């Protein structure tokens, strides 16, 4: 292989090995000039397939309620309130009694 056929990085590695071993030191190879990046024009079909910039969407903030109107949240709160009240009346005393008994047992060391 001739020196010109070698990759510039490989040539510099071989040069450093030769210098370390003590062989003849050829003059350092000139650094290759950086290649220019040239973009080729794209075909119209490829240009059309590229995603376009994202469109602006409406803000996520809901519009204000019309005077006298209710929002969905207000409507649902009114709809669910009787069911939640009924569940609390049926289950809350038992939950509080059990939690209080568990806490007393934990504090006194009894189970």
PDB file of N, CA and C in Angstrom:
ATOM      1  N   UNK A   1       0.837  -1.172   0.000  1.00  0.00           N
ATOM      2  CA  UNK A   1       0.000   0.000   0.000  1.00  0.00           C
ATOM      3  C   UNK A   1       0.879   1.230   0.000  1.00  0.00           C
ATOM      4  N   UNK A   2       0.497   2.175  -0.768  1.00  0.00           N
ATOM      5  CA  UNK A   2       1.270   3.414  -0.781  1.00  0.00           C
ATOM      6  C   UNK A   2       0.734   4.345   0.283  1.00  0.00           C
ATOM      7  N   UNK A   3       1.513   5.317   0.604  1.00  0.00           N
ATOM      8  CA  UNK A   3       1.136   6.263   1.658  1.00  0.00           C
ATOM      9  C   UNK A   3      -0.104   7.066   1.260  1.00  0.00           C
ATOM     10  N   UNK A   4      -0.252   7.377  -0.017  1.00  0.00           N
ATOM     11  CA  UNK A   4      -1.399   8.154  -0.467  1.00  0.00           C
ATOM     12  C   UNK A   4      -2.693   7.351  -0.380  1.00  0.00           C
ATOM     13  N   UNK A   5      -2.595   6.038  -0.454  1.00  0.00           N
ATOM     14  CA  UNK A   5      -3.787   5.198  -0.425  1.00  0.00           C
ATOM     15  C   UNK A   5      -4.314   5.014   0.997  1.00  0.00           C
ATOM     16  N   UNK A   6      -3.503   5.343   2.018  1.00  0.00           N
ATOM     17  CA  UNK A   6      -3.918   5.159   3.402  1.00  0.00           C
ATOM     18  C   UNK A   6      -4.831   6.294   3.853  1.00  0.00           C
ATOM     19  N   UNK A   7      -5.665   5.966   4.777  1.00  0.00           N
ATOM     20  CA  UNK A   7      -6.513   6.965   5.417  1.00  0.00           C
ATOM     21  C   UNK A   7      -5.604   7.935   6.172  1.00  0.00           C
ATOM     22  N   UNK A   8      -5.895   9.240   6.190  1.00  0.00           N
ATOM     23  CA  UNK A   8      -5.013  10.189   6.879  1.00  0.00           C
ATOM     24  C   UNK A   8      -4.824   9.855   8.359  1.00  0.00           C
ATOM     25  N   UNK A   9      -5.855   9.390   9.030  1.00  0.00           N
ATOM     26  CA  UNK A   9      -5.713   9.026  10.442  1.00  0.00           C
ATOM     27  C   UNK A   9      -4.797   7.822  10.604  1.00  0.00           C
ATOM     28  N   UNK A  10      -4.949   6.841   9.731  1.00  0.00           N
ATOM     29  CA  UNK A  10      -4.106   5.650   9.785  1.00  0.00           C
ATOM     30  C   UNK A  10      -2.660   6.018   9.490  1.00  0.00           C
ATOM     31  N   UNK A  11      -2.462   6.927   8.545  1.00  0.00           N
ATOM     32  CA  UNK A  11      -1.105   7.356   8.206  1.00  0.00           C
ATOM     33  C   UNK A  11      -0.448   8.048   9.393  1.00  0.00           C
ATOM     34  N   UNK A  12      -1.182   8.880  10.104  1.00  0.00           N
ATOM     35  CA  UNK A  12      -0.589   9.562  11.261  1.00  0.00           C
ATOM     36  C   UNK A  12      -0.277   8.565  12.375  1.00  0.00           C
ATOM     37  N   UNK A  13      -1.103   7.544  12.531  1.00  0.00           N
ATOM     38  CA  UNK A  13      -0.833   6.508  13.537  1.00  0.00           C
ATOM     39  C   UNK A  13       0.434   5.748  13.176  1.00  0.00           C
ATOM     40  N   UNK A  14       0.547   5.372  11.912  1.00  0.00           N
ATOM     41  CA  UNK A  14       1.756   4.665  11.475  1.00  0.00           C
ATOM     42  C   UNK A  14       2.993   5.541  11.646  1.00  0.00           C
ATOM     43  N   UNK A  15       2.866   6.836  11.365  1.00  0.00           N
ATOM     44  CA  UNK A  15       4.001   7.751  11.543  1.00  0.00           C
ATOM     45  C   UNK A  15       4.431   7.802  13.003  1.00  0.00           C
ATOM     46  N   UNK A  16       3.467   7.862  13.916  1.00  0.00           N
ATOM     47  CA  UNK A  16       3.833   7.924  15.333  1.00  0.00           C
ATOM     48  C   UNK A  16       4.467   6.612  15.792  1.00  0.00           C
ATOM     49  N   UNK A  17       4.002   5.479  15.243  1.00  0.00           N
ATOM     50  CA  UNK A  17       4.610   4.182  15.587  1.00  0.00           C
ATOM     51  C   UNK A  17       6.042   4.131  15.079  1.00  0.00           C
ATOM     52  N   UNK A  18       6.248   4.584  13.854  1.00  0.00           N
ATOM     53  CA  UNK A  18       7.612   4.588  13.295  1.00  0.00           C
ATOM     54  C   UNK A  18       8.526   5.486  14.118  1.00  0.00           C
ATOM     55  N   UNK A  19       8.011   6.640  14.559  1.00  0.00           N
ATOM     56  CA  UNK A  19       8.828   7.549  15.351  1.00  0.00           C
ATOM     57  C   UNK A  19       9.167   6.922  16.697  1.00  0.00           C
ATOM     58  N   UNK A  20       8.238   6.197  17.294  1.00  0.00           N
ATOM     59  CA  UNK A  20       8.475   5.560  18.582  1.00  0.00           C
ATOM     60  C   UNK A  20       9.490   4.434  18.449  1.00  0.00           C
ATOM     61  N   UNK A  21       9.357   3.643  17.387  1.00  0.00           N
ATOM     62  CA  UNK A  21      10.252   2.514  17.176  1.00  0.00           C
ATOM     63  C   UNK A  21      11.637   3.007  16.779  1.00  0.00           C
ATOM     64  N   UNK A  22      11.710   4.163  16.178  1.00  0.00           N
ATOM     65  CA  UNK A  22      13.007   4.706  15.813  1.00  0.00           C
ATOM     66  C   UNK A  22      13.311   4.559  14.344  1.00  0.00           C
ATOM     67  N   UNK A  23      12.354   4.244  13.544  1.00  0.00           N
ATOM     68  CA  UNK A  23      12.573   4.135  12.109  1.00  0.00           C
ATOM     69  C   UNK A  23      12.662   5.518  11.483  1.00  0.00           C
ATOM     70  N   UNK A  24      12.760   5.531  10.192  1.00  0.00           N
ATOM     71  CA  UNK A  24      12.806   6.802   9.481  1.00  0.00           C
ATOM     72  C   UNK A  24      11.494   7.547   9.713  1.00  0.00           C
ATOM     73  N   UNK A  25      11.626   8.807   9.981  1.00  0.00           N
ATOM     74  CA  UNK A  25      10.434   9.611  10.198  1.00  0.00           C
ATOM     75  C   UNK A  25      10.136  10.405   8.937  1.00  0.00           C
ATOM     76  N   UNK A  26       9.112   9.995   8.238  1.00  0.00           N
ATOM     77  CA  UNK A  26       8.744  10.767   7.058  1.00  0.00           C
ATOM     78  C   UNK A  26       8.118  12.094   7.494  1.00  0.00           C
ATOM     79  N   UNK A  27       8.133  13.074   6.645  1.00  0.00           N
ATOM     80  CA  UNK A  27       7.538  14.358   7.017  1.00  0.00           C
ATOM     81  C   UNK A  27       6.048  14.177   7.291  1.00  0.00           C
ATOM     82  N   UNK A  28       5.526  14.959   8.231  1.00  0.00           N
ATOM     83  CA  UNK A  28       4.113  14.793   8.565  1.00  0.00           C
ATOM     84  C   UNK A  28       3.221  15.107   7.368  1.00  0.00           C
ATOM     85  N   UNK A  29       2.181  14.333   7.265  1.00  0.00           N
ATOM     86  CA  UNK A  29       1.247  14.521   6.149  1.00  0.00           C
ATOM     87  C   UNK A  29       0.447  15.799   6.388  1.00  0.00           C
ATOM     88  N   UNK A  30       0.220  16.561   5.339  1.00  0.00           N
ATOM     89  CA  UNK A  30      -0.588  17.771   5.519  1.00  0.00           C
ATOM     90  C   UNK A  30      -2.027  17.390   5.868  1.00  0.00           C
ATOM     91  N   UNK A  31      -2.645  18.236   6.699  1.00  0.00           N
ATOM     92  CA  UNK A  31      -4.019  17.954   7.094  1.00  0.00           C
ATOM     93  C   UNK A  31      -4.938  18.151   5.901  1.00  0.00           C
ATOM     94  N   UNK A  32      -5.874  17.235   5.730  1.00  0.00           N
ATOM     95  CA  UNK A  32      -6.792  17.381   4.604  1.00  0.00           C
ATOM     96  C   UNK A  32      -7.704  18.592   4.823  1.00  0.00           C
ATOM     97  N   UNK A  33      -8.062  19.242   3.732  1.00  0.00           N
ATOM     98  CA  UNK A  33      -8.951  20.395   3.826  1.00  0.00           C
ATOM     99  C   UNK A  33     -10.362  19.901   4.115  1.00  0.00           C
ATOM    100  N   UNK A  34     -11.089  20.629   4.952  1.00  0.00           N
ATOM    101  CA  UNK A  34     -12.454  20.189   5.249  1.00  0.00           C
ATOM    102  C   UNK A  34     -13.323  20.250   4.000  1.00  0.00           C
ATOM    103  N   UNK A  35     -14.163  19.233   3.884  1.00  0.00           N
ATOM    104  CA  UNK A  35     -15.046  19.175   2.724  1.00  0.00           C
ATOM    105  C   UNK A  35     -16.229  20.101   2.933  1.00  0.00           C
ATOM    106  N   UNK A  36     -16.663  20.725   1.867  1.00  0.00           N
ATOM    107  CA  UNK A  36     -17.837  21.579   1.950  1.00  0.00           C
ATOM    108  C   UNK A  36     -19.081  20.711   1.895  1.00  0.00           C
ATOM    109  N   UNK A  37     -20.042  21.072   2.698  1.00  0.00           N
ATOM    110  CA  UNK A  37     -21.305  20.348   2.684  1.00  0.00           C
ATOM    111  C   UNK A  37     -22.218  21.054   1.703  1.00  0.00           C
ATOM    112  N   UNK A  38     -22.586  20.320   0.694  1.00  0.00           N
ATOM    113  CA  UNK A  38     -23.447  20.886  -0.337  1.00  0.00           C
ATOM    114  C   UNK A  38     -24.753  20.118  -0.311  1.00  0.00           C
ATOM    115  N   UNK A  39     -25.831  20.856  -0.122  1.00  0.00           N
ATOM    116  CA  UNK A  39     -27.134  20.204  -0.126  1.00  0.00           C
ATOM    117  C   UNK A  39     -27.677  20.181  -1.541  1.00  0.00           C
ATOM    118  N   UNK A  40     -28.161  19.016  -1.912  1.00  0.00           N
ATOM    119  CA  UNK A  40     -28.755  18.888  -3.233  1.00  0.00           C
ATOM    120  C   UNK A  40     -30.223  19.259  -3.150  1.00  0.00           C
ATOM    121  N   UNK A  41     -30.750  19.856  -4.208  1.00  0.00           N
ATOM    122  CA  UNK A  41     -32.180  20.189  -4.176  1.00  0.00           C
ATOM    123  C   UNK A  41     -33.010  18.914  -4.078  1.00  0.00           C
ATOM    124  N   UNK A  42     -34.078  19.009  -3.313  1.00  0.00           N
ATOM    125  CA  UNK A  42     -34.926  17.841  -3.111  1.00  0.00           C
ATOM    126  C   UNK A  42     -35.990  17.766  -4.188  1.00  0.00           C
ATOM    127  N   UNK A  43     -36.423  16.557  -4.406  1.00  0.00           N
ATOM    128  CA  UNK A  43     -37.499  16.356  -5.366  1.00  0.00           C
ATOM    129  C   UNK A  43     -38.790  16.927  -4.783  1.00  0.00           C
ATOM    130  N   UNK A  44     -39.714  17.409  -5.610  1.00  0.00           N
ATOM    131  CA  UNK A  44     -40.962  17.977  -5.096  1.00  0.00           C
ATOM    132  C   UNK A  44     -41.756  16.997  -4.237  1.00  0.00           C
ATOM    133  N   UNK A  45     -41.714  15.715  -4.551  1.00  0.00           N
ATOM    134  CA  UNK A  45     -42.464  14.729  -3.768  1.00  0.00           C
ATOM    135  C   UNK A  45     -41.910  14.645  -2.349  1.00  0.00           C
ATOM    136  N   UNK A  46     -40.589  14.725  -2.201  1.00  0.00           N
ATOM    137  CA  UNK A  46     -39.991  14.671  -0.877  1.00  0.00           C
ATOM    138  C   UNK A  46     -40.309  15.932  -0.089  1.00  0.00           C
ATOM    139  N   UNK A  47     -40.319  17.059  -0.748  1.00  0.00           N
ATOM    140  CA  UNK A  47     -40.631  18.309  -0.071  1.00  0.00           C
ATOM    141  C   UNK A  47     -42.057  18.291   0.446  1.00  0.00           C
ATOM    142  N   UNK A  48     -42.971  17.737  -0.330  1.00  0.00           N
ATOM    143  CA  UNK A  48     -44.368  17.690   0.082  1.00  0.00           C
ATOM    144  C   UNK A  48     -44.563  16.726   1.251  1.00  0.00           C
ATOM    145  N   UNK A  49     -43.713  15.704   1.371  1.00  0.00           N
ATOM    146  CA  UNK A  49     -43.868  14.708   2.424  1.00  0.00           C
ATOM    147  C   UNK A  49     -43.307  15.178   3.763  1.00  0.00           C
ATOM    148  N   UNK A  50     -42.498  16.244   3.759  1.00  0.00           N
ATOM    149  CA  UNK A  50     -41.917  16.726   5.004  1.00  0.00           C
ATOM    150  C   UNK A  50     -43.006  17.287   5.903  1.00  0.00           C
ATOM    151  N   UNK A  51     -42.888  17.046   7.212  1.00  0.00           N
ATOM    152  CA  UNK A  51     -43.879  17.633   8.114  1.00  0.00           C
ATOM    153  C   UNK A  51     -43.694  19.142   8.168  1.00  0.00           C
ATOM    154  N   UNK A  52     -44.778  19.824   8.182  1.00  0.00           N
ATOM    155  CA  UNK A  52     -44.733  21.275   8.232  1.00  0.00           C
ATOM    156  C   UNK A  52     -44.622  21.718   9.685  1.00  0.00           C
ATOM    157  N   UNK A  53     -44.349  22.974   9.878  1.00  0.00           N
ATOM    158  CA  UNK A  53     -44.254  23.519  11.227  1.00  0.00           C
ATOM    159  C   UNK A  53     -45.587  23.300  11.939  1.00  0.00           C
ATOM    160  N   UNK A  54     -45.531  23.016  13.246  1.00  0.00           N
ATOM    161  CA  UNK A  54     -46.781  22.760  13.960  1.00  0.00           C
ATOM    162  C   UNK A  54     -47.692  23.985  13.913  1.00  0.00           C
ATOM    163  N   UNK A  55     -48.971  23.708  13.751  1.00  0.00           N
ATOM    164  CA  UNK A  55     -49.942  24.787  13.715  1.00  0.00           C
ATOM    165  C   UNK A  55     -50.222  25.258  15.125  1.00  0.00           C
ATOM    166  N   UNK A  56     -50.528  26.512  15.235  1.00  0.00           N
ATOM    167  CA  UNK A  56     -50.892  27.040  16.545  1.00  0.00           C
ATOM    168  C   UNK A  56     -52.296  26.567  16.874  1.00  0.00           C
ATOM    169  N   UNK A  57     -52.459  26.103  18.100  1.00  0.00           N
ATOM    170  CA  UNK A  57     -53.769  25.625  18.530  1.00  0.00           C
ATOM    171  C   UNK A  57     -54.332  26.592  19.557  1.00  0.00           C
ATOM    172  N   UNK A  58     -55.582  26.443  19.811  1.00  0.00           N
ATOM    173  CA  UNK A  58     -56.240  27.292  20.794  1.00  0.00           C
ATOM    174  C   UNK A  58     -55.672  26.993  22.172  1.00  0.00           C
ATOM    175  N   UNK A  59     -55.614  27.974  23.050  1.00  0.00           N
ATOM    176  CA  UNK A  59     -55.090  27.724  24.394  1.00  0.00           C
ATOM    177  C   UNK A  59     -55.956  26.719  25.137  1.00  0.00           C
ATOM    178  N   UNK A  60     -55.344  26.031  26.095  1.00  0.00           N
ATOM    179  CA  UNK A  60     -56.038  24.982  26.836  1.00  0.00           C
ATOM    180  C   UNK A  60     -56.995  25.544  27.882  1.00  0.00           C
ATOM    181  N   UNK A  61     -56.971  26.838  28.095  1.00  0.00           N
ATOM    182  CA  UNK A  61     -57.850  27.451  29.089  1.00  0.00           C
ATOM    183  C   UNK A  61     -59.270  27.477  28.542  1.00  0.00           C
ATOM    184  N   UNK A  62     -60.232  26.969  29.315  1.00  0.00           N
ATOM    185  CA  UNK A  62     -61.608  26.979  28.819  1.00  0.00           C
ATOM    186  C   UNK A  62     -62.131  28.412  28.758  1.00  0.00           C
ATOM    187  N   UNK A  63     -63.015  28.660  27.839  1.00  0.00           N
ATOM    188  CA  UNK A  63     -63.569  30.007  27.743  1.00  0.00           C
ATOM    189  C   UNK A  63     -64.414  30.309  28.973  1.00  0.00           C
ATOM    190  N   UNK A  64     -64.504  31.563  29.354  1.00  0.00           N
ATOM    191  CA  UNK A  64     -65.302  31.886  30.538  1.00  0.00           C
ATOM    192  C   UNK A  64     -66.770  31.569  30.310  1.00  0.00           C
ATOM    193  N   UNK A  65     -67.431  31.200  31.389  1.00  0.00           N
ATOM    194  CA  UNK A  65     -68.850  30.858  31.291  1.00  0.00           C
ATOM    195  C   UNK A  65     -69.649  32.117  30.975  1.00  0.00           C
ATOM    196  N   UNK A  66     -70.678  31.928  30.213  1.00  0.00           N
ATOM    197  CA  UNK A  66     -71.567  33.036  29.900  1.00  0.00           C
ATOM    198  C   UNK A  66     -72.285  33.407  31.188  1.00  0.00           C
ATOM    199  N   UNK A  67     -72.548  34.655  31.379  1.00  0.00           N
ATOM    200  CA  UNK A  67     -73.165  35.084  32.633  1.00  0.00           C
ATOM    201  C   UNK A  67     -74.423  34.263  32.906  1.00  0.00           C
ATOM    202  N   UNK A  68     -74.474  33.692  34.096  1.00  0.00           N
ATOM    203  CA  UNK A  68     -75.612  32.869  34.473  1.00  0.00           C
ATOM    204  C   UNK A  68     -75.445  31.406  34.107  1.00  0.00           C
ATOM    205  N   UNK A  69     -74.468  31.055  33.279  1.00  0.00           N
ATOM    206  CA  UNK A  69     -74.251  29.666  32.877  1.00  0.00           C
ATOM    207  C   UNK A  69     -73.360  28.942  33.863  1.00  0.00           C
ATOM    208  N   UNK A  70     -73.371  27.623  33.818  1.00  0.00           N
ATOM    209  CA  UNK A  70     -72.548  26.812  34.705  1.00  0.00           C
ATOM    210  C   UNK A  70     -71.462  26.132  33.889  1.00  0.00           C
ATOM    211  N   UNK A  71     -70.320  25.938  34.518  1.00  0.00           N
ATOM    212  CA  UNK A  71     -69.270  25.159  33.879  1.00  0.00           C
ATOM    213  C   UNK A  71     -69.571  23.685  34.105  1.00  0.00           C
ATOM    214  N   UNK A  72     -68.860  22.843  33.394  1.00  0.00           N
ATOM    215  CA  UNK A  72     -69.050  21.397  33.538  1.00  0.00           C
ATOM    216  C   UNK A  72     -68.706  20.971  34.964  1.00  0.00           C
ATOM    217  N   UNK A  73     -67.639  21.554  35.511  1.00  0.00           N
ATOM    218  CA  UNK A  73     -67.230  21.192  36.864  1.00  0.00           C
ATOM    219  C   UNK A  73     -68.329  21.527  37.876  1.00  0.00           C
ATOM    220  N   UNK A  74     -68.925  22.703  37.741  1.00  0.00           N
ATOM    221  CA  UNK A  74     -69.994  23.090  38.665  1.00  0.00           C
ATOM    222  C   UNK A  74     -71.202  22.168  38.522  1.00  0.00           C
ATOM    223  N   UNK A  75     -71.530  21.822  37.292  1.00  0.00           N
ATOM    224  CA  UNK A  75     -72.659  20.929  37.039  1.00  0.00           C
ATOM    225  C   UNK A  75     -72.427  19.563  37.675  1.00  0.00           C
ATOM    226  N   UNK A  76     -71.220  19.002  37.468  1.00  0.00           N
ATOM    227  CA  UNK A  76     -70.916  17.684  38.035  1.00  0.00           C
ATOM    228  C   UNK A  76     -70.874  17.723  39.557  1.00  0.00           C
ATOM    229  N   UNK A  77     -70.357  18.801  40.130  1.00  0.00           N
ATOM    230  CA  UNK A  77     -70.315  18.904  41.594  1.00  0.00           C
ATOM    231  C   UNK A  77     -71.725  18.874  42.170  1.00  0.00           C
ATOM    232  N   UNK A  78     -72.646  19.588  41.543  1.00  0.00           N
ATOM    233  CA  UNK A  78     -74.038  19.572  42.011  1.00  0.00           C
ATOM    234  C   UNK A  78     -74.671  18.198  41.834  1.00  0.00           C
ATOM    235  N   UNK A  79     -74.311  17.521  40.745  1.00  0.00           N
ATOM    236  CA  UNK A  79     -74.889  16.210  40.452  1.00  0.00           C
ATOM    237  C   UNK A  79     -74.400  15.144  41.436  1.00  0.00           C
ATOM    238  N   UNK A  80     -73.134  15.207  41.817  1.00  0.00           N
ATOM    239  CA  UNK A  80     -72.527  14.166  42.652  1.00  0.00           C
ATOM    240  C   UNK A  80     -72.716  14.432  44.144  1.00  0.00           C
ATOM    241  N   UNK A  81     -72.906  15.682  44.546  1.00  0.00           N
ATOM    242  CA  UNK A  81     -72.977  16.035  45.966  1.00  0.00           C
ATOM    243  C   UNK A  81     -73.948  15.161  46.765  1.00  0.00           C
ATOM    244  N   UNK A  82     -75.179  14.907  46.328  1.00  0.00           N
ATOM    245  CA  UNK A  82     -76.079  14.055  47.137  1.00  0.00           C
ATOM    246  C   UNK A  82     -75.550  12.633  47.312  1.00  0.00           C
ATOM    247  N   UNK A  83     -74.906  12.088  46.289  1.00  0.00           N
ATOM    248  CA  UNK A  83     -74.371  10.724  46.392  1.00  0.00           C
ATOM    249  C   UNK A  83     -73.212  10.674  47.383  1.00  0.00           C
ATOM    250  N   UNK A  84     -72.337  11.684  47.344  1.00  0.00           N
ATOM    251  CA  UNK A  84     -71.206  11.722  48.273  1.00  0.00           C
ATOM    252  C   UNK A  84     -71.711  11.894  49.705  1.00  0.00           C
ATOM    253  N   UNK A  85     -72.689  12.777  49.901  1.00  0.00           N
ATOM    254  CA  UNK A  85     -73.251  12.974  51.245  1.00  0.00           C
ATOM    255  C   UNK A  85     -73.847  11.676  51.792  1.00  0.00           C
ATOM    256  N   UNK A  86     -74.589  10.959  50.968  1.00  0.00           N
ATOM    257  CA  UNK A  86     -75.203   9.700  51.412  1.00  0.00           C
ATOM    258  C   UNK A  86     -74.132   8.679  51.784  1.00  0.00           C
ATOM    259  N   UNK A  87     -73.064   8.582  50.991  1.00  0.00           N
ATOM    260  CA  UNK A  87     -71.995   7.624  51.276  1.00  0.00           C
ATOM    261  C   UNK A  87     -71.295   7.989  52.580  1.00  0.00           C
ATOM    262  N   UNK A  88     -71.019   9.285  52.773  1.00  0.00           N
ATOM    263  CA  UNK A  88     -70.354   9.707  54.006  1.00  0.00           C
ATOM    264  C   UNK A  88     -71.213   9.415  55.233  1.00  0.00           C
ATOM    265  N   UNK A  89     -72.512   9.678  55.156  1.00  0.00           N
ATOM    266  CA  UNK A  89     -73.402   9.407  56.289  1.00  0.00           C
ATOM    267  C   UNK A  89     -73.433   7.921  56.623  1.00  0.00           C
ATOM    268  N   UNK A  90     -73.337   7.077  55.601  1.00  0.00           N
ATOM    269  CA  UNK A  90     -73.399   5.631  55.824  1.00  0.00           C
ATOM    270  C   UNK A  90     -72.069   5.061  56.305  1.00  0.00           C
ATOM    271  N   UNK A  91     -70.936   5.584  55.866  1.00  0.00           N
ATOM    272  CA  UNK A  91     -69.647   4.941  56.119  1.00  0.00           C
ATOM    273  C   UNK A  91     -68.693   5.709  57.027  1.00  0.00           C
ATOM    274  N   UNK A  92     -68.860   7.005  57.172  1.00  0.00           N
ATOM    275  CA  UNK A  92     -67.892   7.797  57.924  1.00  0.00           C
ATOM    276  C   UNK A  92     -67.793   7.408  59.399  1.00  0.00           C
ATOM    277  N   UNK A  93     -68.892   7.184  60.111  1.00  0.00           N
ATOM    278  CA  UNK A  93     -68.746   6.804  61.528  1.00  0.00           C
ATOM    279  C   UNK A  93     -67.922   5.532  61.720  1.00  0.00           C
ATOM    280  N   UNK A  94     -68.155   4.527  60.890  1.00  0.00           N
ATOM    281  CA  UNK A  94     -67.391   3.274  61.005  1.00  0.00           C
ATOM    282  C   UNK A  94     -65.914   3.509  60.698  1.00  0.00           C
ATOM    283  N   UNK A  95     -65.617   4.312  59.674  1.00  0.00           N
ATOM    284  CA  UNK A  95     -64.223   4.592  59.320  1.00  0.00           C
ATOM    285  C   UNK A  95     -63.508   5.308  60.460  1.00  0.00           C
ATOM    286  N   UNK A  96     -64.150   6.299  61.037  1.00  0.00           N
ATOM    287  CA  UNK A  96     -63.526   7.050  62.130  1.00  0.00           C
ATOM    288  C   UNK A  96     -63.313   6.150  63.340  1.00  0.00           C
ATOM    289  N   UNK A  97     -64.298   5.316  63.672  1.00  0.00           N
ATOM    290  CA  UNK A  97     -64.188   4.422  64.820  1.00  0.00           C
ATOM    291  C   UNK A  97     -63.031   3.441  64.625  1.00  0.00           C
ATOM    292  N   UNK A  98     -62.912   2.866  63.433  1.00  0.00           N
ATOM    293  CA  UNK A  98     -61.837   1.904  63.161  1.00  0.00           C
ATOM    294  C   UNK A  98     -60.472   2.589  63.210  1.00  0.00           C
ATOM    295  N   UNK A  99     -60.361   3.765  62.601  1.00  0.00           N
ATOM    296  CA  UNK A  99     -59.080   4.473  62.594  1.00  0.00           C
ATOM    297  C   UNK A  99     -58.677   4.897  64.004  1.00  0.00           C
ATOM    298  N   UNK A 100     -59.636   5.346  64.801  1.00  0.00           N
ATOM    299  CA  UNK A 100     -59.336   5.741  66.179  1.00  0.00           C
ATOM    300  C   UNK A 100     -58.887   4.529  66.996  1.00  0.00           C
ATOM    301  N   UNK A 101     -59.563   3.393  66.834  1.00  0.00           N
ATOM    302  CA  UNK A 101     -59.189   2.176  67.562  1.00  0.00           C
ATOM    303  C   UNK A 101     -57.792   1.717  67.153  1.00  0.00           C
ATOM    304  N   UNK A 102     -57.476   1.775  65.869  1.00  0.00           N
ATOM    305  CA  UNK A 102     -56.142   1.382  65.397  1.00  0.00           C
ATOM    306  C   UNK A 102     -55.066   2.301  65.974  1.00  0.00           C
ATOM    307  N   UNK A 103     -55.320   3.591  66.021  1.00  0.00           N
ATOM    308  CA  UNK A 103     -54.342   4.543  66.540  1.00  0.00           C
ATOM    309  C   UNK A 103     -54.138   4.354  68.041  1.00  0.00           C
ATOM    310  N   UNK A 104     -55.228   4.127  68.774  1.00  0.00           N
ATOM    311  CA  UNK A 104     -55.115   3.879  70.218  1.00  0.00           C
ATOM    312  C   UNK A 104     -54.321   2.606  70.468  1.00  0.00           C
ATOM    313  N   UNK A 105     -54.584   1.564  69.691  1.00  0.00           N
ATOM    314  CA  UNK A 105     -53.845   0.305  69.842  1.00  0.00           C
ATOM    315  C   UNK A 105     -52.367   0.512  69.526  1.00  0.00           C
ATOM    316  N   UNK A 106     -52.071   1.317  68.541  1.00  0.00           N
ATOM    317  CA  UNK A 106     -50.671   1.564  68.173  1.00  0.00           C
ATOM    318  C   UNK A 106     -49.958   2.330  69.285  1.00  0.00           C
ATOM    319  N   UNK A 107     -50.626   3.324  69.853  1.00  0.00           N
ATOM    320  CA  UNK A 107     -49.999   4.135  70.897  1.00  0.00           C
ATOM    321  C   UNK A 107     -49.820   3.364  72.201  1.00  0.00           C
ATOM    322  N   UNK A 108     -50.754   2.492  72.530  1.00  0.00           N
ATOM    323  CA  UNK A 108     -50.666   1.734  73.786  1.00  0.00           C
ATOM    324  C   UNK A 108     -49.888   0.440  73.631  1.00  0.00           C
ATOM    325  N   UNK A 109     -49.580   0.057  72.426  1.00  0.00           N
ATOM    326  CA  UNK A 109     -48.815  -1.159  72.199  1.00  0.00           C
ATOM    327  C   UNK A 109     -49.669  -2.400  72.161  1.00  0.00           C
ATOM    328  N   UNK A 110     -50.969  -2.260  72.149  1.00  0.00           N
ATOM    329  CA  UNK A 110     -51.877  -3.412  72.073  1.00  0.00           C
ATOM    330  C   UNK A 110     -52.327  -3.601  70.639  1.00  0.00           C
ATOM    331  N   UNK A 111     -52.603  -4.844  70.335  1.00  0.00           N
ATOM    332  CA  UNK A 111     -53.144  -5.138  69.003  1.00  0.00           C
ATOM    333  C   UNK A 111     -54.377  -5.928  69.108  1.00  0.00           C
TER     334      UNK A 111
END
